[in-house]
Amino acid sequence: MQPRELIGTAAIPGGEELRLFRRGGDFMIVLDRNELMSTRMSGSENALALMTHERLGKRNAQRWLIGGYGMGFTLRAALGVLDDAAEITVAELVPGIIEWARGPMAKIAAGCLDDRRVQLFEGDVADPIRNSDDRYDTILLDVDNGPDGLTRDNNGWLYTTTGLGAANRSLKHGGILAIWSAAPDAAFGTRLRRAGFRVEEASVRARDNGKGPKHVIWFATKP
């Protein structure tokens, strides 16, 4: 097997260090010994956008907030289905992630950050959630490995009853909070309901070909 090549490192504010590796044409972002994301496994991140769009139905000029750019899979999937009047805010806390997207991973990014529908917010996705009411048609969160996160302790606020309540207020009526997770979490589904959401839990495969490990997406709808 071809060895991995270390391309760069990026500090997580208040956390540890991410490392970007390349093996042939594939890229991997790694925290300690945990592979957080890979270009070989984009299926569930694509599904996060596509399944949310399907559940929202026909709405013109939708406003989306995506928490975590990652490798841009969710953003590119969203751009592929939204109309020209849509607005997508991408919140990315780690500046190095964006530098990688514009640098060694520019071919994979395919110019998505320069699409006129996209606004980049370099900071914590919690800030726009806290500071908006009835603004977004959907909030998509893929900022960690799920409610039991790995990368940053402060991410935990997003998954608390307080954080989920703030997300509820940020959404329009009928809006959806969609949350990606590497694993199930029954207690989290209960917490979503206590925050006033109608909850659907979906199991999706990591790869676009329907293979790979199973991941979880919660679709929490504001009545």
N, C-alpha and C. Protein backbone atom coordinates (compact mmCIF):
# COMPACT_ATOMS: atom_id res chain seq x y z
N MET A 1 0.84 -1.20 0.00
CA MET A 1 0.00 0.00 0.00
C MET A 1 0.88 1.25 0.00
N GLN A 2 0.47 2.23 -0.77
CA GLN A 2 1.23 3.48 -0.85
C GLN A 2 1.19 4.20 0.50
N PRO A 3 2.31 4.68 1.02
CA PRO A 3 2.31 5.35 2.32
C PRO A 3 1.61 6.70 2.26
N ARG A 4 1.09 7.13 3.42
CA ARG A 4 0.47 8.45 3.52
C ARG A 4 1.55 9.52 3.58
N GLU A 5 1.25 10.63 2.95
CA GLU A 5 2.16 11.78 2.97
C GLU A 5 1.52 12.91 3.76
N LEU A 6 2.23 13.40 4.77
CA LEU A 6 1.72 14.52 5.57
C LEU A 6 1.83 15.80 4.75
N ILE A 7 0.69 16.45 4.53
CA ILE A 7 0.64 17.66 3.72
C ILE A 7 0.69 18.92 4.58
N GLY A 8 0.02 18.89 5.74
CA GLY A 8 0.01 20.07 6.59
C GLY A 8 -0.69 19.81 7.91
N THR A 9 -0.56 20.78 8.81
CA THR A 9 -1.23 20.71 10.11
C THR A 9 -2.02 22.00 10.33
N ALA A 10 -3.06 21.90 11.17
CA ALA A 10 -3.91 23.06 11.47
C ALA A 10 -4.37 22.98 12.90
N ALA A 11 -4.19 24.06 13.65
CA ALA A 11 -4.59 24.09 15.05
C ALA A 11 -6.08 24.33 15.18
N ILE A 12 -6.73 23.58 16.08
CA ILE A 12 -8.13 23.80 16.42
C ILE A 12 -8.16 24.79 17.57
N PRO A 13 -8.82 25.94 17.43
CA PRO A 13 -8.89 26.89 18.55
C PRO A 13 -9.44 26.21 19.81
N GLY A 14 -8.66 26.27 20.87
CA GLY A 14 -9.09 25.66 22.12
C GLY A 14 -9.02 24.15 22.12
N GLY A 15 -8.36 23.58 21.10
CA GLY A 15 -8.31 22.13 21.00
C GLY A 15 -6.95 21.63 20.59
N GLU A 16 -6.95 20.53 19.84
CA GLU A 16 -5.69 19.89 19.45
C GLU A 16 -5.30 20.29 18.03
N GLU A 17 -4.63 19.41 17.34
CA GLU A 17 -4.10 19.72 16.02
C GLU A 17 -4.63 18.73 15.00
N LEU A 18 -5.10 19.25 13.88
CA LEU A 18 -5.51 18.42 12.76
C LEU A 18 -4.32 18.22 11.83
N ARG A 19 -4.28 17.06 11.18
CA ARG A 19 -3.25 16.79 10.19
C ARG A 19 -3.92 16.37 8.88
N LEU A 20 -3.42 16.91 7.77
CA LEU A 20 -3.91 16.56 6.45
C LEU A 20 -2.90 15.62 5.79
N PHE A 21 -3.39 14.44 5.39
CA PHE A 21 -2.56 13.46 4.71
C PHE A 21 -3.06 13.27 3.28
N ARG A 22 -2.16 12.83 2.42
CA ARG A 22 -2.52 12.45 1.06
C ARG A 22 -1.95 11.08 0.76
N ARG A 23 -2.76 10.23 0.15
CA ARG A 23 -2.28 8.93 -0.33
C ARG A 23 -2.78 8.80 -1.76
N GLY A 24 -1.89 8.94 -2.72
CA GLY A 24 -2.31 8.94 -4.11
C GLY A 24 -3.21 10.14 -4.36
N GLY A 25 -4.42 9.90 -4.85
CA GLY A 25 -5.37 10.99 -5.09
C GLY A 25 -6.34 11.22 -3.95
N ASP A 26 -6.17 10.49 -2.84
CA ASP A 26 -7.08 10.61 -1.70
C ASP A 26 -6.47 11.49 -0.60
N PHE A 27 -7.35 12.22 0.09
CA PHE A 27 -6.95 13.04 1.23
C PHE A 27 -7.66 12.56 2.48
N MET A 28 -6.98 12.72 3.62
CA MET A 28 -7.54 12.35 4.90
C MET A 28 -7.22 13.44 5.92
N ILE A 29 -8.20 13.81 6.73
CA ILE A 29 -7.97 14.73 7.85
C ILE A 29 -8.04 13.92 9.13
N VAL A 30 -6.99 14.01 9.94
CA VAL A 30 -6.81 13.12 11.08
C VAL A 30 -6.61 13.94 12.34
N LEU A 31 -7.24 13.49 13.42
CA LEU A 31 -7.03 14.04 14.76
C LEU A 31 -6.47 12.93 15.63
N ASP A 32 -5.24 13.11 16.12
CA ASP A 32 -4.56 12.06 16.88
C ASP A 32 -4.53 10.79 16.03
N ARG A 33 -5.23 9.73 16.43
CA ARG A 33 -5.27 8.51 15.62
C ARG A 33 -6.62 8.32 14.93
N ASN A 34 -7.48 9.31 15.04
CA ASN A 34 -8.82 9.20 14.48
C ASN A 34 -8.90 9.90 13.12
N GLU A 35 -9.30 9.16 12.11
CA GLU A 35 -9.53 9.74 10.79
C GLU A 35 -10.92 10.37 10.81
N LEU A 36 -10.97 11.70 10.81
CA LEU A 36 -12.23 12.41 10.91
C LEU A 36 -12.99 12.42 9.59
N MET A 37 -12.27 12.53 8.49
CA MET A 37 -12.91 12.56 7.18
C MET A 37 -11.92 12.16 6.11
N SER A 38 -12.48 11.71 5.00
CA SER A 38 -11.65 11.23 3.90
C SER A 38 -12.39 11.44 2.60
N THR A 39 -11.65 11.70 1.54
CA THR A 39 -12.28 11.83 0.22
C THR A 39 -12.84 10.49 -0.26
N ARG A 40 -12.47 9.40 0.39
CA ARG A 40 -13.01 8.09 0.01
C ARG A 40 -14.41 7.86 0.59
N MET A 41 -14.78 8.67 1.58
CA MET A 41 -16.07 8.47 2.25
C MET A 41 -16.83 9.78 2.30
N SER A 42 -17.59 10.04 1.26
CA SER A 42 -18.34 11.29 1.17
C SER A 42 -19.85 11.07 1.20
N GLY A 43 -20.28 9.82 1.21
CA GLY A 43 -21.69 9.52 1.04
C GLY A 43 -22.61 10.13 2.08
N SER A 44 -22.26 10.00 3.35
CA SER A 44 -23.16 10.51 4.38
C SER A 44 -23.15 12.02 4.46
N GLU A 45 -22.01 12.66 4.12
CA GLU A 45 -21.96 14.12 4.09
C GLU A 45 -22.79 14.66 2.92
N ASN A 46 -22.75 13.97 1.78
CA ASN A 46 -23.64 14.35 0.68
C ASN A 46 -25.10 14.18 1.09
N ALA A 47 -25.38 13.06 1.75
CA ALA A 47 -26.76 12.78 2.18
C ALA A 47 -27.27 13.84 3.14
N LEU A 48 -26.40 14.39 3.95
CA LEU A 48 -26.81 15.43 4.90
C LEU A 48 -27.50 16.58 4.17
N ALA A 49 -26.94 16.99 3.03
CA ALA A 49 -27.54 18.07 2.24
C ALA A 49 -28.73 17.58 1.42
N LEU A 50 -28.57 16.47 0.72
CA LEU A 50 -29.59 16.02 -0.22
C LEU A 50 -30.87 15.58 0.49
N MET A 51 -30.73 14.88 1.60
CA MET A 51 -31.92 14.43 2.33
C MET A 51 -32.61 15.59 3.03
N THR A 52 -31.85 16.57 3.46
CA THR A 52 -32.45 17.77 4.05
C THR A 52 -33.24 18.53 2.99
N HIS A 53 -32.64 18.71 1.83
CA HIS A 53 -33.31 19.43 0.75
C HIS A 53 -34.61 18.73 0.37
N GLU A 54 -34.58 17.42 0.31
CA GLU A 54 -35.79 16.65 -0.01
C GLU A 54 -36.88 16.89 1.03
N ARG A 55 -36.51 16.95 2.30
CA ARG A 55 -37.50 17.12 3.37
C ARG A 55 -38.03 18.55 3.44
N LEU A 56 -37.25 19.51 3.03
CA LEU A 56 -37.73 20.89 3.03
C LEU A 56 -38.79 21.14 1.97
N GLY A 57 -38.74 20.39 0.90
CA GLY A 57 -39.70 20.59 -0.18
C GLY A 57 -39.39 21.86 -0.97
N LYS A 58 -40.37 22.31 -1.74
CA LYS A 58 -40.17 23.45 -2.63
C LYS A 58 -40.29 24.75 -1.83
N ARG A 59 -39.16 25.39 -1.64
CA ARG A 59 -39.08 26.71 -1.02
C ARG A 59 -38.12 27.54 -1.86
N ASN A 60 -38.53 28.71 -2.25
CA ASN A 60 -37.66 29.57 -3.04
C ASN A 60 -36.70 30.33 -2.14
N ALA A 61 -35.53 30.66 -2.66
CA ALA A 61 -34.56 31.51 -1.97
C ALA A 61 -34.28 31.02 -0.55
N GLN A 62 -33.95 29.75 -0.43
CA GLN A 62 -33.71 29.18 0.89
C GLN A 62 -32.42 29.73 1.50
N ARG A 63 -32.43 29.83 2.84
CA ARG A 63 -31.25 30.23 3.59
C ARG A 63 -30.76 29.03 4.40
N TRP A 64 -29.52 28.65 4.13
CA TRP A 64 -28.91 27.51 4.82
C TRP A 64 -27.73 27.98 5.65
N LEU A 65 -27.55 27.35 6.80
CA LEU A 65 -26.35 27.52 7.62
C LEU A 65 -25.70 26.15 7.75
N ILE A 66 -24.47 26.04 7.27
CA ILE A 66 -23.72 24.78 7.36
C ILE A 66 -22.61 24.96 8.37
N GLY A 67 -22.65 24.18 9.42
CA GLY A 67 -21.62 24.23 10.45
C GLY A 67 -20.55 23.20 10.19
N GLY A 68 -19.37 23.67 9.74
CA GLY A 68 -18.25 22.81 9.42
C GLY A 68 -18.10 22.61 7.93
N TYR A 69 -17.02 23.18 7.35
CA TYR A 69 -16.76 22.97 5.92
C TYR A 69 -16.23 21.57 5.67
N GLY A 70 -15.32 21.12 6.53
CA GLY A 70 -14.75 19.79 6.35
C GLY A 70 -13.98 19.68 5.05
N MET A 71 -14.44 18.82 4.17
CA MET A 71 -13.88 18.70 2.82
C MET A 71 -14.85 19.24 1.77
N GLY A 72 -15.91 19.89 2.23
CA GLY A 72 -16.82 20.57 1.33
C GLY A 72 -17.88 19.69 0.67
N PHE A 73 -17.99 18.43 1.09
CA PHE A 73 -18.95 17.54 0.45
C PHE A 73 -20.38 18.05 0.60
N THR A 74 -20.74 18.43 1.83
CA THR A 74 -22.11 18.89 2.09
C THR A 74 -22.40 20.18 1.33
N LEU A 75 -21.45 21.10 1.32
CA LEU A 75 -21.64 22.35 0.61
C LEU A 75 -21.84 22.11 -0.89
N ARG A 76 -21.00 21.29 -1.49
CA ARG A 76 -21.12 21.05 -2.93
C ARG A 76 -22.43 20.35 -3.27
N ALA A 77 -22.86 19.44 -2.42
CA ALA A 77 -24.15 18.77 -2.65
C ALA A 77 -25.30 19.77 -2.56
N ALA A 78 -25.21 20.70 -1.60
CA ALA A 78 -26.25 21.72 -1.46
C ALA A 78 -26.30 22.63 -2.68
N LEU A 79 -25.14 23.06 -3.15
CA LEU A 79 -25.09 23.94 -4.32
C LEU A 79 -25.69 23.27 -5.55
N GLY A 80 -25.59 21.97 -5.60
CA GLY A 80 -26.09 21.24 -6.75
C GLY A 80 -27.61 21.16 -6.83
N VAL A 81 -28.30 21.40 -5.70
CA VAL A 81 -29.76 21.26 -5.71
C VAL A 81 -30.50 22.57 -5.42
N LEU A 82 -29.81 23.59 -4.92
CA LEU A 82 -30.48 24.84 -4.57
C LEU A 82 -30.54 25.79 -5.76
N ASP A 83 -31.55 26.67 -5.75
CA ASP A 83 -31.71 27.60 -6.86
C ASP A 83 -30.74 28.77 -6.74
N ASP A 84 -30.75 29.62 -7.75
CA ASP A 84 -29.78 30.72 -7.82
C ASP A 84 -30.01 31.78 -6.75
N ALA A 85 -31.20 31.80 -6.15
CA ALA A 85 -31.50 32.81 -5.14
C ALA A 85 -31.17 32.34 -3.72
N ALA A 86 -30.69 31.12 -3.59
CA ALA A 86 -30.37 30.59 -2.26
C ALA A 86 -29.18 31.32 -1.64
N GLU A 87 -29.12 31.29 -0.30
CA GLU A 87 -27.99 31.83 0.44
C GLU A 87 -27.48 30.75 1.39
N ILE A 88 -26.19 30.47 1.30
CA ILE A 88 -25.59 29.46 2.17
C ILE A 88 -24.46 30.11 2.96
N THR A 89 -24.59 30.09 4.27
CA THR A 89 -23.50 30.53 5.13
C THR A 89 -22.76 29.29 5.62
N VAL A 90 -21.45 29.25 5.39
CA VAL A 90 -20.61 28.15 5.85
C VAL A 90 -19.76 28.66 7.01
N ALA A 91 -19.95 28.08 8.18
CA ALA A 91 -19.17 28.46 9.35
C ALA A 91 -18.06 27.45 9.56
N GLU A 92 -16.82 27.90 9.51
CA GLU A 92 -15.67 27.03 9.73
C GLU A 92 -14.75 27.67 10.76
N LEU A 93 -14.54 26.96 11.85
CA LEU A 93 -13.76 27.48 12.96
C LEU A 93 -12.26 27.45 12.71
N VAL A 94 -11.79 26.48 11.95
CA VAL A 94 -10.35 26.23 11.79
C VAL A 94 -9.86 26.89 10.50
N PRO A 95 -9.10 27.98 10.57
CA PRO A 95 -8.64 28.64 9.34
C PRO A 95 -7.87 27.71 8.41
N GLY A 96 -7.12 26.78 8.98
CA GLY A 96 -6.33 25.86 8.16
C GLY A 96 -7.18 25.01 7.24
N ILE A 97 -8.41 24.69 7.66
CA ILE A 97 -9.31 23.90 6.81
C ILE A 97 -9.59 24.64 5.50
N ILE A 98 -9.83 25.95 5.62
CA ILE A 98 -10.10 26.76 4.44
C ILE A 98 -8.84 26.93 3.60
N GLU A 99 -7.70 27.06 4.26
CA GLU A 99 -6.43 27.15 3.52
C GLU A 99 -6.19 25.88 2.72
N TRP A 100 -6.49 24.72 3.29
CA TRP A 100 -6.35 23.47 2.55
C TRP A 100 -7.30 23.42 1.36
N ALA A 101 -8.53 23.91 1.57
CA ALA A 101 -9.52 23.89 0.49
C ALA A 101 -9.08 24.76 -0.68
N ARG A 102 -8.40 25.84 -0.39
CA ARG A 102 -7.94 26.74 -1.45
C ARG A 102 -6.53 26.39 -1.94
N GLY A 103 -5.88 25.46 -1.23
CA GLY A 103 -4.52 25.07 -1.58
C GLY A 103 -4.46 23.65 -2.12
N PRO A 104 -3.94 22.70 -1.32
CA PRO A 104 -3.73 21.35 -1.85
C PRO A 104 -5.00 20.62 -2.26
N MET A 105 -6.17 21.04 -1.71
CA MET A 105 -7.43 20.38 -2.05
C MET A 105 -8.30 21.24 -2.97
N ALA A 106 -7.69 22.19 -3.67
CA ALA A 106 -8.46 23.11 -4.53
C ALA A 106 -9.21 22.36 -5.63
N LYS A 107 -8.61 21.32 -6.17
CA LYS A 107 -9.29 20.57 -7.24
C LYS A 107 -10.55 19.90 -6.70
N ILE A 108 -10.49 19.40 -5.48
CA ILE A 108 -11.65 18.76 -4.87
C ILE A 108 -12.70 19.81 -4.50
N ALA A 109 -12.26 20.96 -4.00
CA ALA A 109 -13.20 22.03 -3.64
C ALA A 109 -13.96 22.53 -4.86
N ALA A 110 -13.34 22.49 -6.00
CA ALA A 110 -14.00 22.82 -7.28
C ALA A 110 -14.66 24.20 -7.25
N GLY A 111 -14.05 25.15 -6.53
CA GLY A 111 -14.53 26.52 -6.52
C GLY A 111 -15.79 26.76 -5.72
N CYS A 112 -16.19 25.81 -4.89
CA CYS A 112 -17.47 25.95 -4.18
C CYS A 112 -17.49 27.14 -3.23
N LEU A 113 -16.35 27.48 -2.64
CA LEU A 113 -16.32 28.61 -1.71
C LEU A 113 -16.44 29.95 -2.43
N ASP A 114 -16.25 29.95 -3.73
CA ASP A 114 -16.34 31.19 -4.51
C ASP A 114 -17.68 31.34 -5.21
N ASP A 115 -18.57 30.38 -5.02
CA ASP A 115 -19.91 30.49 -5.58
C ASP A 115 -20.60 31.72 -4.97
N ARG A 116 -21.29 32.49 -5.78
CA ARG A 116 -21.88 33.75 -5.29
C ARG A 116 -22.98 33.51 -4.25
N ARG A 117 -23.48 32.30 -4.15
CA ARG A 117 -24.51 31.99 -3.15
C ARG A 117 -23.92 31.72 -1.77
N VAL A 118 -22.59 31.62 -1.70
CA VAL A 118 -21.91 31.19 -0.47
C VAL A 118 -21.28 32.36 0.25
N GLN A 119 -21.51 32.42 1.55
CA GLN A 119 -20.82 33.36 2.44
C GLN A 119 -20.03 32.54 3.46
N LEU A 120 -18.76 32.84 3.60
CA LEU A 120 -17.91 32.12 4.55
C LEU A 120 -17.83 32.90 5.84
N PHE A 121 -18.18 32.23 6.94
CA PHE A 121 -18.02 32.80 8.28
C PHE A 121 -16.90 32.04 8.97
N GLU A 122 -15.78 32.69 9.19
CA GLU A 122 -14.65 32.02 9.84
C GLU A 122 -14.77 32.20 11.34
N GLY A 123 -15.44 31.25 11.96
CA GLY A 123 -15.67 31.30 13.40
C GLY A 123 -16.57 30.16 13.81
N ASP A 124 -17.03 30.24 15.05
CA ASP A 124 -17.85 29.19 15.65
C ASP A 124 -19.28 29.28 15.13
N VAL A 125 -19.82 28.18 14.63
CA VAL A 125 -21.19 28.16 14.12
C VAL A 125 -22.20 28.53 15.21
N ALA A 126 -21.79 28.39 16.47
CA ALA A 126 -22.69 28.77 17.57
C ALA A 126 -23.02 30.26 17.53
N ASP A 127 -22.13 31.09 17.01
CA ASP A 127 -22.37 32.53 16.99
C ASP A 127 -23.55 32.92 16.10
N PRO A 128 -23.60 32.52 14.82
CA PRO A 128 -24.79 32.84 14.04
C PRO A 128 -26.05 32.17 14.56
N ILE A 129 -25.92 31.02 15.20
CA ILE A 129 -27.10 30.38 15.79
C ILE A 129 -27.64 31.24 16.93
N ARG A 130 -26.75 31.71 17.79
CA ARG A 130 -27.18 32.53 18.92
C ARG A 130 -27.77 33.87 18.47
N ASN A 131 -27.28 34.40 17.36
CA ASN A 131 -27.58 35.79 17.00
C ASN A 131 -28.61 35.92 15.88
N SER A 132 -29.45 34.94 15.72
CA SER A 132 -30.48 35.04 14.68
C SER A 132 -31.77 34.38 15.15
N ASP A 133 -32.88 34.94 14.76
CA ASP A 133 -34.21 34.38 15.05
C ASP A 133 -34.98 34.23 13.74
N ASP A 134 -35.60 33.07 13.56
CA ASP A 134 -36.45 32.82 12.39
C ASP A 134 -35.75 33.17 11.08
N ARG A 135 -34.48 32.84 10.98
CA ARG A 135 -33.72 33.23 9.79
C ARG A 135 -33.51 32.09 8.79
N TYR A 136 -33.18 30.92 9.29
CA TYR A 136 -32.72 29.85 8.40
C TYR A 136 -33.81 28.84 8.08
N ASP A 137 -33.77 28.37 6.84
CA ASP A 137 -34.63 27.23 6.47
C ASP A 137 -34.05 25.94 7.02
N THR A 138 -32.73 25.88 7.12
CA THR A 138 -32.11 24.70 7.70
C THR A 138 -30.75 25.05 8.28
N ILE A 139 -30.39 24.35 9.33
CA ILE A 139 -29.06 24.40 9.92
C ILE A 139 -28.50 22.98 9.86
N LEU A 140 -27.36 22.81 9.21
CA LEU A 140 -26.73 21.51 9.08
C LEU A 140 -25.45 21.51 9.91
N LEU A 141 -25.35 20.58 10.83
CA LEU A 141 -24.19 20.53 11.72
C LEU A 141 -23.38 19.27 11.47
N ASP A 142 -22.13 19.48 11.10
CA ASP A 142 -21.15 18.39 10.97
C ASP A 142 -19.83 18.95 11.47
N VAL A 143 -19.82 19.32 12.75
CA VAL A 143 -18.66 20.01 13.32
C VAL A 143 -17.78 19.07 14.14
N ASP A 144 -18.22 17.84 14.30
CA ASP A 144 -17.48 16.91 15.13
C ASP A 144 -17.90 15.51 14.73
N ASN A 145 -17.64 14.52 15.57
CA ASN A 145 -18.09 13.17 15.27
C ASN A 145 -19.50 12.90 15.77
N GLY A 146 -20.20 13.97 16.16
CA GLY A 146 -21.55 13.84 16.67
C GLY A 146 -21.65 14.41 18.07
N PRO A 147 -22.76 14.13 18.77
CA PRO A 147 -22.95 14.67 20.12
C PRO A 147 -21.82 14.32 21.09
N ASP A 148 -21.19 13.17 20.90
CA ASP A 148 -20.00 12.83 21.69
C ASP A 148 -18.78 13.19 20.86
N GLY A 149 -18.44 14.48 20.84
CA GLY A 149 -17.42 14.99 19.92
C GLY A 149 -16.01 14.65 20.34
N LEU A 150 -15.12 14.83 19.39
CA LEU A 150 -13.70 14.56 19.62
C LEU A 150 -12.83 15.80 19.54
N THR A 151 -13.24 16.77 18.73
CA THR A 151 -12.27 17.79 18.34
C THR A 151 -12.20 18.97 19.28
N ARG A 152 -13.32 19.30 19.95
CA ARG A 152 -13.32 20.54 20.72
C ARG A 152 -14.41 20.48 21.79
N ASP A 153 -14.04 20.69 23.05
CA ASP A 153 -15.00 20.60 24.15
C ASP A 153 -16.16 21.58 23.98
N ASN A 154 -15.87 22.79 23.48
CA ASN A 154 -16.90 23.81 23.36
C ASN A 154 -18.00 23.43 22.37
N ASN A 155 -17.71 22.49 21.47
CA ASN A 155 -18.74 22.03 20.55
C ASN A 155 -19.92 21.41 21.29
N GLY A 156 -19.67 20.95 22.51
CA GLY A 156 -20.72 20.30 23.28
C GLY A 156 -21.94 21.17 23.49
N TRP A 157 -21.76 22.50 23.54
CA TRP A 157 -22.89 23.41 23.74
C TRP A 157 -23.96 23.23 22.67
N LEU A 158 -23.52 22.95 21.44
CA LEU A 158 -24.46 22.81 20.34
C LEU A 158 -25.47 21.70 20.59
N TYR A 159 -25.06 20.69 21.36
CA TYR A 159 -25.88 19.51 21.55
C TYR A 159 -26.62 19.50 22.89
N THR A 160 -26.46 20.57 23.67
CA THR A 160 -27.19 20.69 24.93
C THR A 160 -28.61 21.17 24.68
N THR A 161 -29.45 21.06 25.69
CA THR A 161 -30.82 21.57 25.57
C THR A 161 -30.80 23.06 25.26
N THR A 162 -29.87 23.80 25.85
CA THR A 162 -29.76 25.24 25.59
C THR A 162 -29.36 25.51 24.15
N GLY A 163 -28.35 24.81 23.66
CA GLY A 163 -27.90 24.99 22.28
C GLY A 163 -28.96 24.59 21.28
N LEU A 164 -29.65 23.50 21.54
CA LEU A 164 -30.70 23.04 20.64
C LEU A 164 -31.88 24.02 20.65
N GLY A 165 -32.15 24.60 21.81
CA GLY A 165 -33.19 25.62 21.87
C GLY A 165 -32.83 26.85 21.05
N ALA A 166 -31.56 27.24 21.08
CA ALA A 166 -31.12 28.37 20.26
C ALA A 166 -31.25 28.05 18.77
N ALA A 167 -30.92 26.83 18.39
CA ALA A 167 -31.07 26.43 17.00
C ALA A 167 -32.54 26.46 16.58
N ASN A 168 -33.41 26.03 17.47
CA ASN A 168 -34.85 26.06 17.20
C ASN A 168 -35.30 27.49 16.90
N ARG A 169 -34.85 28.44 17.71
CA ARG A 169 -35.23 29.85 17.51
C ARG A 169 -34.66 30.41 16.21
N SER A 170 -33.51 29.90 15.78
CA SER A 170 -32.87 30.40 14.57
C SER A 170 -33.59 29.96 13.30
N LEU A 171 -34.37 28.91 13.41
CA LEU A 171 -35.04 28.35 12.25
C LEU A 171 -36.39 29.01 11.98
N LYS A 172 -36.75 29.05 10.71
CA LYS A 172 -38.12 29.42 10.34
C LYS A 172 -39.05 28.28 10.71
N HIS A 173 -40.35 28.57 10.76
CA HIS A 173 -41.31 27.49 11.02
C HIS A 173 -41.23 26.47 9.89
N GLY A 174 -41.17 25.21 10.27
CA GLY A 174 -41.00 24.15 9.29
C GLY A 174 -39.55 23.93 8.90
N GLY A 175 -38.64 24.70 9.50
CA GLY A 175 -37.22 24.54 9.22
C GLY A 175 -36.66 23.28 9.86
N ILE A 176 -35.48 22.89 9.40
CA ILE A 176 -34.90 21.62 9.83
C ILE A 176 -33.50 21.83 10.38
N LEU A 177 -33.26 21.28 11.55
CA LEU A 177 -31.92 21.14 12.11
C LEU A 177 -31.46 19.73 11.77
N ALA A 178 -30.43 19.60 10.93
CA ALA A 178 -29.92 18.29 10.51
C ALA A 178 -28.54 18.09 11.11
N ILE A 179 -28.35 17.00 11.81
CA ILE A 179 -27.11 16.77 12.54
C ILE A 179 -26.51 15.42 12.15
N TRP A 180 -25.25 15.47 11.71
CA TRP A 180 -24.51 14.26 11.32
C TRP A 180 -23.81 13.68 12.53
N SER A 181 -23.77 12.35 12.59
CA SER A 181 -23.06 11.69 13.68
C SER A 181 -22.44 10.39 13.18
N ALA A 182 -21.29 10.05 13.73
CA ALA A 182 -20.64 8.80 13.37
C ALA A 182 -21.32 7.59 14.00
N ALA A 183 -22.17 7.81 15.01
CA ALA A 183 -22.78 6.70 15.73
C ALA A 183 -24.13 7.10 16.31
N PRO A 184 -25.00 6.13 16.59
CA PRO A 184 -26.30 6.43 17.20
C PRO A 184 -26.14 6.99 18.61
N ASP A 185 -27.19 7.65 19.08
CA ASP A 185 -27.20 8.20 20.44
C ASP A 185 -28.67 8.41 20.83
N ALA A 186 -29.23 7.42 21.51
CA ALA A 186 -30.66 7.46 21.85
C ALA A 186 -30.99 8.65 22.74
N ALA A 187 -30.10 8.96 23.67
CA ALA A 187 -30.36 10.07 24.58
C ALA A 187 -30.43 11.40 23.84
N PHE A 188 -29.67 11.53 22.76
CA PHE A 188 -29.67 12.77 22.02
C PHE A 188 -31.01 12.99 21.30
N GLY A 189 -31.58 11.92 20.77
CA GLY A 189 -32.90 12.04 20.16
C GLY A 189 -33.93 12.55 21.14
N THR A 190 -33.85 12.08 22.37
CA THR A 190 -34.75 12.56 23.43
C THR A 190 -34.53 14.04 23.70
N ARG A 191 -33.27 14.46 23.70
CA ARG A 191 -32.94 15.86 23.95
C ARG A 191 -33.50 16.76 22.84
N LEU A 192 -33.44 16.29 21.61
CA LEU A 192 -34.01 17.05 20.50
C LEU A 192 -35.51 17.26 20.69
N ARG A 193 -36.20 16.24 21.10
CA ARG A 193 -37.64 16.36 21.32
C ARG A 193 -37.95 17.33 22.44
N ARG A 194 -37.14 17.30 23.49
CA ARG A 194 -37.36 18.23 24.61
C ARG A 194 -37.13 19.67 24.18
N ALA A 195 -36.32 19.87 23.13
CA ALA A 195 -36.07 21.23 22.62
C ALA A 195 -37.18 21.69 21.67
N GLY A 196 -38.20 20.86 21.49
CA GLY A 196 -39.37 21.28 20.72
C GLY A 196 -39.39 20.82 19.28
N PHE A 197 -38.55 19.84 18.92
CA PHE A 197 -38.48 19.38 17.54
C PHE A 197 -39.28 18.09 17.33
N ARG A 198 -39.74 17.91 16.10
CA ARG A 198 -40.17 16.60 15.63
C ARG A 198 -38.93 15.92 15.06
N VAL A 199 -38.70 14.68 15.44
CA VAL A 199 -37.39 14.06 15.17
C VAL A 199 -37.52 12.82 14.30
N GLU A 200 -36.65 12.75 13.30
CA GLU A 200 -36.48 11.57 12.47
C GLU A 200 -35.01 11.20 12.49
N GLU A 201 -34.72 9.93 12.69
CA GLU A 201 -33.33 9.46 12.69
C GLU A 201 -33.12 8.55 11.48
N ALA A 202 -32.11 8.85 10.68
CA ALA A 202 -31.83 8.06 9.48
C ALA A 202 -30.44 7.47 9.56
N SER A 203 -30.31 6.25 9.06
CA SER A 203 -29.01 5.58 8.97
C SER A 203 -28.54 5.65 7.52
N VAL A 204 -27.32 6.11 7.31
CA VAL A 204 -26.78 6.27 5.95
C VAL A 204 -25.38 5.67 5.90
N ARG A 205 -25.02 5.18 4.74
CA ARG A 205 -23.69 4.60 4.55
C ARG A 205 -22.66 5.69 4.28
N ALA A 206 -21.43 5.42 4.66
CA ALA A 206 -20.36 6.40 4.53
C ALA A 206 -19.97 6.66 3.09
N ARG A 207 -20.12 5.66 2.23
CA ARG A 207 -19.68 5.80 0.84
C ARG A 207 -20.88 6.06 -0.08
N ASP A 208 -20.62 6.75 -1.18
CA ASP A 208 -21.67 7.03 -2.15
C ASP A 208 -22.21 5.77 -2.81
N ASN A 209 -21.43 4.70 -2.81
CA ASN A 209 -21.86 3.45 -3.45
C ASN A 209 -22.69 2.58 -2.51
N GLY A 210 -23.07 3.13 -1.34
CA GLY A 210 -23.90 2.38 -0.40
C GLY A 210 -23.13 1.42 0.48
N LYS A 211 -21.81 1.53 0.47
CA LYS A 211 -20.98 0.66 1.29
C LYS A 211 -20.31 1.48 2.39
N GLY A 212 -19.49 0.79 3.18
CA GLY A 212 -18.79 1.48 4.26
C GLY A 212 -19.60 1.47 5.55
N PRO A 213 -19.04 2.02 6.63
CA PRO A 213 -19.74 2.03 7.91
C PRO A 213 -21.02 2.85 7.85
N LYS A 214 -21.91 2.58 8.80
CA LYS A 214 -23.16 3.33 8.89
C LYS A 214 -22.97 4.57 9.76
N HIS A 215 -23.46 5.69 9.29
CA HIS A 215 -23.51 6.92 10.04
C HIS A 215 -24.97 7.28 10.31
N VAL A 216 -25.17 8.28 11.15
CA VAL A 216 -26.53 8.66 11.55
C VAL A 216 -26.75 10.14 11.22
N ILE A 217 -27.94 10.46 10.73
CA ILE A 217 -28.36 11.85 10.58
C ILE A 217 -29.69 12.02 11.29
N TRP A 218 -29.75 13.00 12.19
CA TRP A 218 -31.02 13.39 12.80
C TRP A 218 -31.60 14.56 12.02
N PHE A 219 -32.87 14.45 11.66
CA PHE A 219 -33.61 15.55 11.04
C PHE A 219 -34.62 16.03 12.05
N ALA A 220 -34.35 17.21 12.62
CA ALA A 220 -35.21 17.76 13.67
C ALA A 220 -35.96 18.96 13.09
N THR A 221 -37.28 18.82 12.97
CA THR A 221 -38.10 19.83 12.32
C THR A 221 -38.78 20.73 13.34
N LYS A 222 -38.72 22.03 13.11
CA LYS A 222 -39.42 23.00 13.95
C LYS A 222 -40.88 23.06 13.52
N PRO A 223 -41.81 22.76 14.41
CA PRO A 223 -43.23 22.77 14.03
C PRO A 223 -43.69 24.16 13.56
